[in-house]
Every structure is written in structure tokens, then in C-alpha cells.
Protein backbone atom coordinates (compact mmCIF):
# COMPACT_ATOMS: atom_id res chain seq x y z
CA UNK A 1 -16.15 -9.86 11.99
CA UNK A 2 -16.41 -12.36 9.53
CA UNK A 3 -17.99 -15.89 9.89
CA UNK A 4 -18.00 -17.03 13.30
CA UNK A 5 -16.17 -20.40 14.08
CA UNK A 6 -15.50 -21.27 10.34
CA UNK A 7 -11.62 -21.75 10.57
CA UNK A 8 -12.23 -24.11 13.28
CA UNK A 9 -15.19 -26.02 11.43
CA UNK A 10 -12.99 -26.23 8.31
CA UNK A 11 -10.01 -27.94 10.37
CA UNK A 12 -12.54 -30.19 11.85
CA UNK A 13 -14.24 -31.26 8.75
CA UNK A 14 -12.01 -30.39 5.63
CA UNK A 15 -8.51 -30.57 7.28
CA UNK A 16 -7.14 -31.50 4.02
CA UNK A 17 -8.36 -28.15 2.46
CA UNK A 18 -5.69 -26.11 5.03
CA UNK A 19 -1.94 -26.21 4.77
CA UNK A 20 0.87 -24.08 6.22
CA UNK A 21 3.23 -22.48 4.47
CA UNK A 22 6.02 -19.70 4.83
CA UNK A 23 6.16 -16.50 2.69
CA UNK A 24 8.96 -17.32 0.79
CA UNK A 25 7.06 -20.11 -0.95
CA UNK A 26 5.02 -17.64 -2.46
CA UNK A 27 7.75 -16.19 -4.65
CA UNK A 28 6.36 -14.80 -7.79
CA UNK A 29 2.80 -14.77 -6.62
CA UNK A 30 0.44 -11.89 -7.01
CA UNK A 31 -1.58 -11.45 -3.69
CA UNK A 32 -4.57 -9.43 -3.10
CA UNK A 33 -4.43 -7.88 0.58
CA UNK A 34 -7.60 -6.87 2.49
CA UNK A 35 -6.19 -3.21 3.22
CA UNK A 36 -8.92 -2.17 5.58
CA UNK A 37 -8.33 -5.40 7.92
CA UNK A 38 -4.57 -4.51 7.52
CA UNK A 39 -5.28 -0.94 8.76
CA UNK A 40 -7.02 -2.30 11.89
CA UNK A 41 -4.41 -4.85 12.39
CA UNK A 42 -1.52 -2.27 12.31
CA UNK A 43 -2.96 0.10 14.49
CA UNK A 44 -4.25 -2.86 16.93
CA UNK A 45 -0.45 -4.25 17.01
CA UNK A 46 1.38 -1.32 17.70
CA UNK A 47 -0.83 -0.01 20.71
CA UNK A 48 -0.56 -3.69 22.31
CA UNK A 49 2.90 -3.27 22.23
CA UNK A 50 2.55 -0.07 23.77
CA UNK A 51 4.48 2.17 21.11
CA UNK A 52 1.65 4.13 19.49
CA UNK A 53 3.60 5.95 16.85
CA UNK A 54 2.57 9.76 16.32
CA UNK A 55 3.81 13.12 14.69
CA UNK A 56 4.73 15.84 16.76
CA UNK A 57 1.16 16.90 16.59
CA UNK A 58 -0.17 13.87 18.07
CA UNK A 59 -1.08 12.44 14.79
CA UNK A 60 -0.92 8.90 14.66
CA UNK A 61 1.43 7.13 12.03
CA UNK A 62 1.26 3.36 13.27
CA UNK A 63 -0.47 2.44 10.11
CA UNK A 64 2.10 4.01 8.21
CA UNK A 65 4.66 2.40 9.48
CA UNK A 66 2.80 -1.08 9.14
CA UNK A 67 2.09 -0.71 5.63
CA UNK A 68 5.66 0.27 4.88
CA UNK A 69 7.62 -2.61 6.62
CA UNK A 70 4.79 -5.31 5.89
CA UNK A 71 5.15 -4.56 2.12
CA UNK A 72 8.69 -4.25 1.92
CA UNK A 73 8.78 -7.58 3.44
CA UNK A 74 6.38 -9.38 1.16
CA UNK A 75 8.28 -7.77 -1.80
CA UNK A 76 11.19 -8.90 -0.36
CA UNK A 77 10.11 -12.45 -0.66
CA UNK A 78 9.27 -11.99 -4.38
CA UNK A 79 5.37 -11.28 -3.86
CA UNK A 80 3.41 -8.71 -5.82
CA UNK A 81 0.86 -7.24 -3.29
CA UNK A 82 -2.20 -5.34 -4.42
CA UNK A 83 -4.02 -3.70 -1.80
CA UNK A 84 -8.10 -3.41 -1.71
CA UNK A 85 -9.76 -0.97 0.46
CA UNK A 86 -13.52 -1.03 1.48
CA UNK A 87 -15.96 1.26 -0.13
CA UNK A 88 -19.60 1.94 1.18
CA UNK A 89 -20.56 -0.83 3.34
CA UNK A 90 -24.08 -2.81 2.37
CA UNK A 91 -27.21 -1.68 3.79
CA UNK A 92 -27.79 -4.93 5.49
CA UNK A 93 -24.26 -4.23 7.63
CA UNK A 94 -26.35 -1.36 9.46
CA UNK A 95 -27.03 -3.84 12.13
CA UNK A 96 -23.58 -4.88 12.61
CA UNK A 97 -22.06 -1.55 12.43
CA UNK A 98 -24.72 -0.33 14.97
CA UNK A 99 -23.76 -3.15 17.16
CA UNK A 100 -20.02 -2.32 17.06
CA UNK A 101 -20.77 1.30 17.90
CA UNK A 102 -22.75 0.30 20.89
CA UNK A 103 -19.53 -1.90 21.80
CA UNK A 104 -17.30 1.17 21.56
CA UNK A 105 -19.45 2.98 23.79
CA UNK A 106 -19.53 0.35 26.46
CA UNK A 107 -15.67 -0.07 26.09
CA UNK A 108 -15.31 3.48 26.66
CA UNK A 109 -17.39 3.53 29.82
CA UNK A 110 -14.97 0.36 31.04
CA UNK A 111 -11.97 2.21 30.08
CA UNK A 112 -12.89 5.07 32.43
CA UNK A 113 -13.53 2.84 34.82
CA UNK A 114 -10.43 1.28 34.71
CA UNK A 115 -8.42 4.30 34.59
CA UNK A 116 -9.97 5.45 37.68
CA UNK A 117 -9.34 2.05 39.74
CA UNK A 118 -5.66 2.02 38.32
CA UNK A 119 -6.04 -1.25 36.66
CA UNK A 120 -3.20 -0.90 33.87
CA UNK A 121 -4.42 -4.62 32.45
CA UNK A 122 -7.92 -3.14 31.55
CA UNK A 123 -6.67 0.31 30.44
CA UNK A 124 -4.67 -1.71 27.53
CA UNK A 125 -7.52 -4.30 26.80
CA UNK A 126 -10.49 -1.58 26.45
CA UNK A 127 -8.09 0.82 24.77
CA UNK A 128 -7.46 -1.79 21.98
CA UNK A 129 -11.46 -1.86 21.49
CA UNK A 130 -11.54 1.84 20.79
CA UNK A 131 -9.36 1.57 17.90
CA UNK A 132 -10.95 2.78 14.58
CA UNK A 133 -10.10 3.22 11.10
CA UNK A 134 -10.78 6.37 10.06
CA UNK A 135 -11.13 7.67 6.61
CA UNK A 136 -7.95 9.81 6.71
CA UNK A 137 -6.01 6.45 7.82
CA UNK A 138 -7.27 5.07 4.51
CA UNK A 139 -6.10 8.14 2.39
CA UNK A 140 -2.77 8.45 4.03
CA UNK A 141 -2.04 4.62 3.40
CA UNK A 142 -2.95 4.92 -0.20
CA UNK A 143 -0.86 7.86 -0.57
CA UNK A 144 2.28 5.75 0.94
CA UNK A 145 1.28 3.02 -1.86
CA UNK A 146 1.24 5.19 -4.73
CA UNK A 147 4.67 6.62 -3.64
CA UNK A 148 5.91 2.97 -3.23
CA UNK A 149 4.94 2.03 -6.68
CA UNK A 150 2.17 -0.80 -5.15
CA UNK A 151 -1.36 -0.71 -6.83
CA UNK A 152 -4.43 -0.43 -4.64
CA UNK A 153 -7.76 -0.98 -5.47
CA UNK A 154 -11.16 0.97 -3.85
CA UNK A 155 -13.93 -1.57 -3.91
CA UNK A 156 -17.28 -0.23 -4.33
CA UNK A 157 -18.28 -2.19 -1.65
CA UNK A 158 -16.73 -4.95 0.58
CA UNK A 159 -12.91 -5.13 0.31
CA UNK A 160 -13.18 -9.23 0.75
CA UNK A 161 -15.72 -9.64 -2.20
CA UNK A 162 -13.32 -7.51 -4.59
CA UNK A 163 -10.47 -9.34 -3.54
CA UNK A 164 -12.31 -12.50 -4.37
CA UNK A 165 -13.54 -11.12 -7.64
CA UNK A 166 -9.75 -10.65 -8.53
CA UNK A 167 -8.74 -14.33 -7.42
CA UNK A 168 -11.55 -15.95 -9.31
CA UNK A 169 -10.50 -14.03 -12.48
CA UNK A 170 -6.86 -15.20 -12.06
CA UNK A 171 -5.69 -11.46 -11.61
CA UNK A 172 -4.24 -12.77 -8.55
CA UNK A 173 -3.22 -15.99 -7.05
CA UNK A 174 -4.80 -15.39 -3.58
CA UNK A 175 -6.62 -13.28 -1.14
CA UNK A 176 -4.42 -12.22 2.32
CA UNK A 177 -7.16 -11.41 5.18
CA UNK A 178 -7.89 -12.46 8.71
CA UNK A 179 -11.84 -12.44 7.58
CA UNK A 180 -12.78 -15.62 6.84
CA UNK A 181 -15.75 -13.91 4.61
CA UNK A 182 -13.39 -13.98 1.69
CA UNK A 183 -14.05 -17.57 1.51
CA UNK A 184 -17.76 -17.12 1.43
CA UNK A 185 -17.62 -15.04 -1.38
CA UNK A 186 -15.77 -17.67 -3.29
CA UNK A 187 -12.03 -17.02 -3.02
CA UNK A 188 -10.15 -19.62 -4.46
CA UNK A 189 -7.09 -19.63 -2.04
CA UNK A 190 -7.30 -17.55 1.05
CA UNK A 191 -4.28 -16.75 3.08
CA UNK A 192 -4.22 -16.12 6.58
CA UNK A 193 -1.57 -14.28 8.92
CA UNK A 194 0.51 -13.07 5.77
CA UNK A 195 0.54 -9.28 7.28
CA UNK A 196 1.32 -10.35 10.65
CA UNK A 197 4.68 -9.40 12.52
CA UNK A 198 7.54 -11.65 11.38
CA UNK A 199 8.11 -11.58 15.20
CA UNK A 200 5.24 -13.51 15.80
CA UNK A 201 6.66 -16.47 13.96
CA UNK A 202 3.32 -17.56 12.97
CA UNK A 203 2.97 -19.64 9.41
CA UNK A 204 0.88 -18.74 6.99
CA UNK A 205 -2.32 -20.78 6.62
CA UNK A 206 -3.60 -21.47 3.25
CA UNK A 207 -7.32 -22.20 2.72
CA UNK A 208 -8.20 -23.73 -0.63
CA UNK A 209 -11.75 -23.52 -1.24
CA UNK A 210 -12.25 -25.85 -4.10
CA UNK A 211 -11.00 -28.47 -1.49
CA UNK A 212 -13.61 -27.15 1.37
CA UNK A 213 -16.34 -27.81 -1.02
CA UNK A 214 -15.12 -31.27 -2.04
CA UNK A 215 -14.27 -32.53 1.51
CA UNK A 216 -17.57 -31.19 2.72
CA UNK A 217 -19.56 -32.23 -0.28
CA UNK A 218 -21.26 -29.06 -0.48
CA UNK A 219 -22.13 -26.80 -3.23
CA UNK A 220 -21.27 -23.11 -3.51
CA UNK A 221 -25.00 -22.09 -2.52
CA UNK A 222 -24.92 -24.86 0.64
CA UNK A 223 -21.60 -23.37 1.80
CA UNK A 224 -23.00 -19.80 1.60
CA UNK A 225 -26.24 -20.78 3.74
CA UNK A 226 -23.72 -22.81 6.35
CA UNK A 227 -21.88 -19.58 6.49
CA UNK A 228 -25.03 -17.52 7.06
CA UNK A 229 -26.20 -19.94 10.05
CA UNK A 230 -22.93 -19.80 11.82
CA UNK A 231 -23.33 -16.38 11.95
CA UNK A 232 -22.03 -13.35 9.48
CA UNK A 233 -22.18 -9.48 9.39
CA UNK A 234 -25.40 -9.07 7.50
CA UNK A 235 -27.75 -10.96 9.85
CA UNK A 236 -27.81 -12.89 13.16
CA UNK A 237 -27.46 -16.26 13.60
CA UNK A 238 -30.11 -18.84 15.29
CA UNK A 239 -29.56 -19.17 18.67
CA UNK A 240 -28.82 -22.59 19.99
CA UNK A 241 -27.29 -23.72 16.62
CA UNK A 242 -23.29 -24.30 16.76
CA UNK A 243 -20.82 -25.41 14.09
CA UNK A 244 -21.49 -28.92 14.27
CA UNK A 245 -25.20 -28.69 14.31
CA UNK A 246 -25.11 -25.99 11.54
CA UNK A 247 -23.04 -28.48 8.99
CA UNK A 248 -25.45 -31.36 9.91
CA UNK A 249 -28.60 -29.50 9.13
CA UNK A 250 -27.19 -28.20 5.70
CA UNK A 251 -26.17 -31.56 4.66
CA UNK A 252 -29.55 -32.87 5.61
CA UNK A 253 -31.74 -30.04 4.45
CA UNK A 254 -29.45 -28.76 1.98
CA UNK A 255 -31.03 -25.15 2.43
CA UNK A 256 -31.83 -22.43 4.63
CA UNK A 257 -35.33 -22.96 3.42
CA UNK A 258 -35.54 -26.49 4.74
CA UNK A 259 -33.79 -25.71 7.92
CA UNK A 260 -36.51 -23.50 8.78
CA UNK A 261 -39.40 -25.40 7.70
CA UNK A 262 -38.41 -28.44 9.61
CA UNK A 263 -36.76 -26.73 12.66
CA UNK A 264 -38.07 -27.42 15.97
CA UNK A 265 -39.00 -23.53 17.49
CA UNK A 266 -39.22 -24.85 20.84
CA UNK A 267 -35.58 -25.53 20.86
CA UNK A 268 -34.08 -23.00 18.60
CA UNK A 269 -35.55 -19.46 17.99
CA UNK A 270 -34.65 -17.93 14.47
CA UNK A 271 -34.63 -14.05 14.34
CA UNK A 272 -37.76 -12.32 13.71
CA UNK A 273 -38.12 -11.22 10.02
CA UNK A 274 -34.33 -13.06 9.25
CA UNK A 275 -32.95 -11.71 6.28
CA UNK A 276 -31.11 -14.53 5.55
CA UNK A 277 -32.21 -14.66 1.32
CA UNK A 278 -30.67 -11.19 1.01
CA UNK A 279 -27.22 -12.05 3.01
CA UNK A 280 -27.16 -14.95 0.65
CA UNK A 281 -27.40 -12.66 -2.54
CA UNK A 282 -25.05 -10.33 -1.31
CA UNK A 283 -22.57 -13.47 -0.84
CA UNK A 284 -23.39 -14.88 -4.31
CA UNK A 285 -23.87 -11.61 -6.17
CA UNK A 286 -21.36 -8.83 -4.38
CA UNK A 287 -20.90 -5.50 -5.58
CA UNK A 288 -17.79 -5.54 -7.11
CA UNK A 289 -15.68 -3.93 -9.95
CA UNK A 290 -15.38 -6.40 -12.63
CA UNK A 291 -11.98 -7.79 -12.76
CA UNK A 292 -11.43 -7.00 -16.39
CA UNK A 293 -11.69 -3.49 -15.49
CA UNK A 294 -9.02 -3.32 -12.86
CA UNK A 295 -5.61 -2.51 -14.19
CA UNK A 296 -2.90 -3.71 -11.73
CA UNK A 297 0.63 -1.86 -12.38
CA UNK A 298 3.67 -2.41 -10.06
CA UNK A 299 6.12 0.49 -10.67
CA UNK A 300 9.46 2.23 -9.22
CA UNK A 301 9.14 3.94 -6.10
CA UNK A 302 9.23 7.64 -6.02
CA UNK A 303 12.20 8.12 -3.21
CA UNK A 304 12.26 11.52 -3.02
CA UNK A 305 8.55 12.03 -2.81
CA UNK A 306 8.63 9.10 0.17
CA UNK A 307 11.14 10.85 2.16
CA UNK A 308 9.12 13.96 1.90
CA UNK A 309 6.04 12.44 2.84
CA UNK A 310 7.16 9.76 5.39
CA UNK A 311 9.99 12.07 6.83
CA UNK A 312 8.91 15.74 6.42
CA UNK A 313 5.46 15.17 7.12
CA UNK A 314 4.98 12.37 9.20
CA UNK A 315 8.43 12.30 11.34
CA UNK A 316 9.87 9.02 10.32
CA UNK A 317 13.55 8.56 10.29
CA UNK A 318 14.97 9.47 6.84
CA UNK A 319 17.92 6.85 6.63
CA UNK A 320 15.29 3.99 7.60
CA UNK A 321 12.97 5.06 4.96
CA UNK A 322 15.62 5.43 1.95
CA UNK A 323 17.00 1.90 3.08
CA UNK A 324 13.59 0.66 2.92
CA UNK A 325 13.22 2.44 -0.50
CA UNK A 326 16.38 0.61 -1.61
CA UNK A 327 15.07 -2.81 -0.37
CA UNK A 328 11.88 -2.23 -2.87
CA UNK A 329 14.05 -1.37 -5.68
CA UNK A 330 16.64 -4.28 -5.22
CA UNK A 331 13.46 -6.37 -5.04
CA UNK A 332 11.95 -5.18 -8.23
CA UNK A 333 14.97 -5.07 -10.06
CA UNK A 334 16.26 -8.56 -9.15
CA UNK A 335 16.91 -10.58 -11.80
CA UNK A 336 14.54 -13.86 -11.16
CA UNK A 337 13.69 -17.19 -12.85
CA UNK A 338 10.01 -17.04 -11.98
CA UNK A 339 8.22 -19.79 -10.38
CA UNK A 340 8.93 -23.47 -11.37
CA UNK A 341 5.44 -24.00 -12.28
CA UNK A 342 4.96 -21.37 -14.53
CA UNK A 343 7.82 -23.02 -17.02
CA UNK A 344 5.62 -26.00 -17.46
CA UNK A 345 1.86 -26.50 -18.64
CA UNK A 346 -0.24 -29.61 -18.35
CA UNK A 347 -0.96 -31.20 -21.82
CA UNK A 348 -4.56 -32.51 -22.54
CA UNK A 349 -5.15 -36.07 -22.91
CA UNK A 350 -5.51 -35.66 -26.44
CA UNK A 351 -2.12 -33.79 -26.97
CA UNK A 352 -0.61 -36.65 -24.75
CA UNK A 353 -1.91 -39.49 -27.39
CA UNK A 354 -0.77 -37.60 -30.20
CA UNK A 355 2.71 -37.15 -28.42
CA UNK A 356 2.92 -40.61 -28.05
CA UNK A 357 2.05 -41.82 -31.33
CA UNK A 358 4.95 -39.36 -32.82
CA UNK A 359 7.17 -41.11 -31.26
CA UNK A 360 6.33 -44.59 -31.54
CA UNK A 361 8.63 -46.95 -33.58
CA UNK A 362 7.79 -47.62 -37.15
CA UNK A 363 6.84 -51.47 -37.35
CA UNK A 364 6.51 -51.81 -33.53
CA UNK A 365 3.74 -52.14 -31.12
CA UNK A 366 6.14 -50.89 -28.11
CA UNK A 367 6.25 -47.08 -27.47
CA UNK A 368 9.23 -45.24 -26.60
CA UNK A 369 9.99 -44.07 -23.51
CA UNK A 370 8.74 -40.76 -22.43
CA UNK A 371 10.54 -40.11 -19.17
CA UNK A 372 9.68 -40.03 -15.74
CA UNK A 373 6.12 -37.76 -16.46
CA UNK A 374 5.12 -40.29 -18.90
CA UNK A 375 5.03 -37.13 -21.39
CA UNK A 376 2.50 -35.13 -19.08
CA UNK A 377 4.42 -31.74 -19.12
CA UNK A 378 6.45 -29.80 -21.35
CA UNK A 379 8.05 -26.52 -21.16
CA UNK A 380 5.84 -23.68 -22.98
CA UNK A 381 7.26 -21.98 -26.32
């Protein structure tokens, strides 16, 4: 579910932290993709279009189509994706998972009523709410990615936390997910809409964590407390406190402890035994595999095994799978010049001074011109 209203709040209070971009502009970038979120997206998207794909035995394959074609689209744009799958949910998330089960039960009852009444619009709406990502969906996606030569990581706990750890360590440039929790875990750059269908023509929204902190004048700890106050998967929010009021309180009181001490309990009612401190710890010290222990390796796709899995086992068209495989190979083997910013590096102030001294004319106080950049950049050796 993520942090409620965080995207809109950032747009209101830190607009300079968000920019829109096109997929082609991430050429040469490594991107960690929230695989569990992608699985759900693909199953929902295809069901919305009324074309849920299945094998002859009725086994759903929509998620495989989604992973296959969206991954090819990213690779075709010069992106090197790595998918990260959820591990076990933290104990604190059990309450949120229980609520989701209740909502599924309610949706099931509503679906049955809609079917009896012949209300097709409600049938489609409640059917979407019953979509569930299973362990089998995940394992099949991993098999597909392996055959495509795309790396994946099994997170010990939350996928967003593991993605954030990879990005903070510089293993990847950004994290692609729709879950704003990734920012609460400290993701430097968050990309939304990257795994959306090309037909939806939605630009990628790029959120920059440092700019969010800078424009809101919040510390990392204060930002985490703000996210908890807005409402997260680990604990309920305080009834009556919306996004605008939440950021006012954080700016004035600096912490949830101080907010609780000064809160008008008649006007606002915090949840009983509110476990905000534990939620804070999960965001600040999540259970992740250290980035240094994660090896990311992109390899050539195994075309014959890919055809065997996708066509013989899952019923996909062989020509389409082979054509997709050719696109993967072409994109991987294409001779590319790399990103422009990889050819330059910023000199330190002391390096600039030394360089300028070295080009001063003997016996003159005037310095030679160093070009439009003032000697700020140079090509690395």
C-alpha cells in the first residue's frame, strides 16, 4: 500500500524534487525494479483489459507476458534492470496483511452479488480487487528472468528496502516502483511508471530524496516520522491528521514523541499502544542483504530454453518469443558510447587550483583561458 498521500504532499511542498522523464533518457543506467509490485501490476493490467492470459489448463500466464515484454522494452532503451523480490514480511506487517484479507473477503461477497445482479462494471471492479500474487507467480517470473539473462535478488524481507540498499550503495542508479515506501527507506532516486504499459503514455516521474529533504528542511529521521504519521503498512495513522497537518507538526515538534506529548487528545486520537517506534526502526534499520554481498550479472539469453519454457510449457507464440529474444541480444550486443556524464568527472577545488597554476604564463599575473567550463571538468583517463 505504501505511504498514504506522500506523492501529492511532495508535489505540494517540494516540487523541485520531482521531474518527468522518458525511458530513453535512462540509457546506460542500472535500475532496481520492485518485482513483487510489478507482478501485481501485470496481473491487474491484463485483467482490466479483459484478456487474462492462461495456458490450455487454465493456468494464468499474464505475469509472464508482462515481465517478458516490459523487460525487453527497458533493455531496448539501454536500461539494465535487476528485479528484487519480497522475502518474508516483517512481523509488524501482520496487521496490514490481515486487513488485506478482510478486504478480499468483502470483495468476494460483493463480486458474487454483482454477478447475481448482472452488473458487469462491478464484476470487473471487484474481480480486480481479488487479484493475488502467489509464490508460483514469483517462481515462474524468476525462471523467465534467468532464461532472459536478467539478474534478480531475493530480499530477506521487504523488496523496497533491498532496492533502496542497492541504490544507496551505488549498485544501481534508481529504484523503479509505485510504492512510495522506497523513499522512506532512503532510496536516492525513485522512478514511478517505468513498468507501465507504453500504450498508457505516462511519463516517468523521478523523485530525488536529497532534494525532498532539502526543500522540506527535514532530517532523515523527521522524514521517516512524517511518513509514519501519514500512514504506513506497519501501523495505523492518527485519525484526523492529514498530510498538511502532519508536515506542520513534524516541522514544529521534530519527532513523534514530541507530537504525542503536545497533541490535543480530544481532537486527535492516536491508536492504542501505537507502535510508531518499532515502525521507525524498520524504516531506518531494515533487514536487507548487504549490497557488497549482491552480485549483479547480465548475460546472453538462452533462446532455446526460453522457447521451451514460454512456448512448450506456457503456450506462447514461438515466433514472438524468438523475436523478443533477438531484441534482447541486439540491445545487449549493440556498440554503445555510454552515458555522456560517464566521460567526465568533477575535479576537487584543490585540483582546479593546481591545474590553473600549471597553465599560468610565466612572469604574468594573468591566467590563460581554460575554456567555457573554467577547467571544472576533464575526461578521466
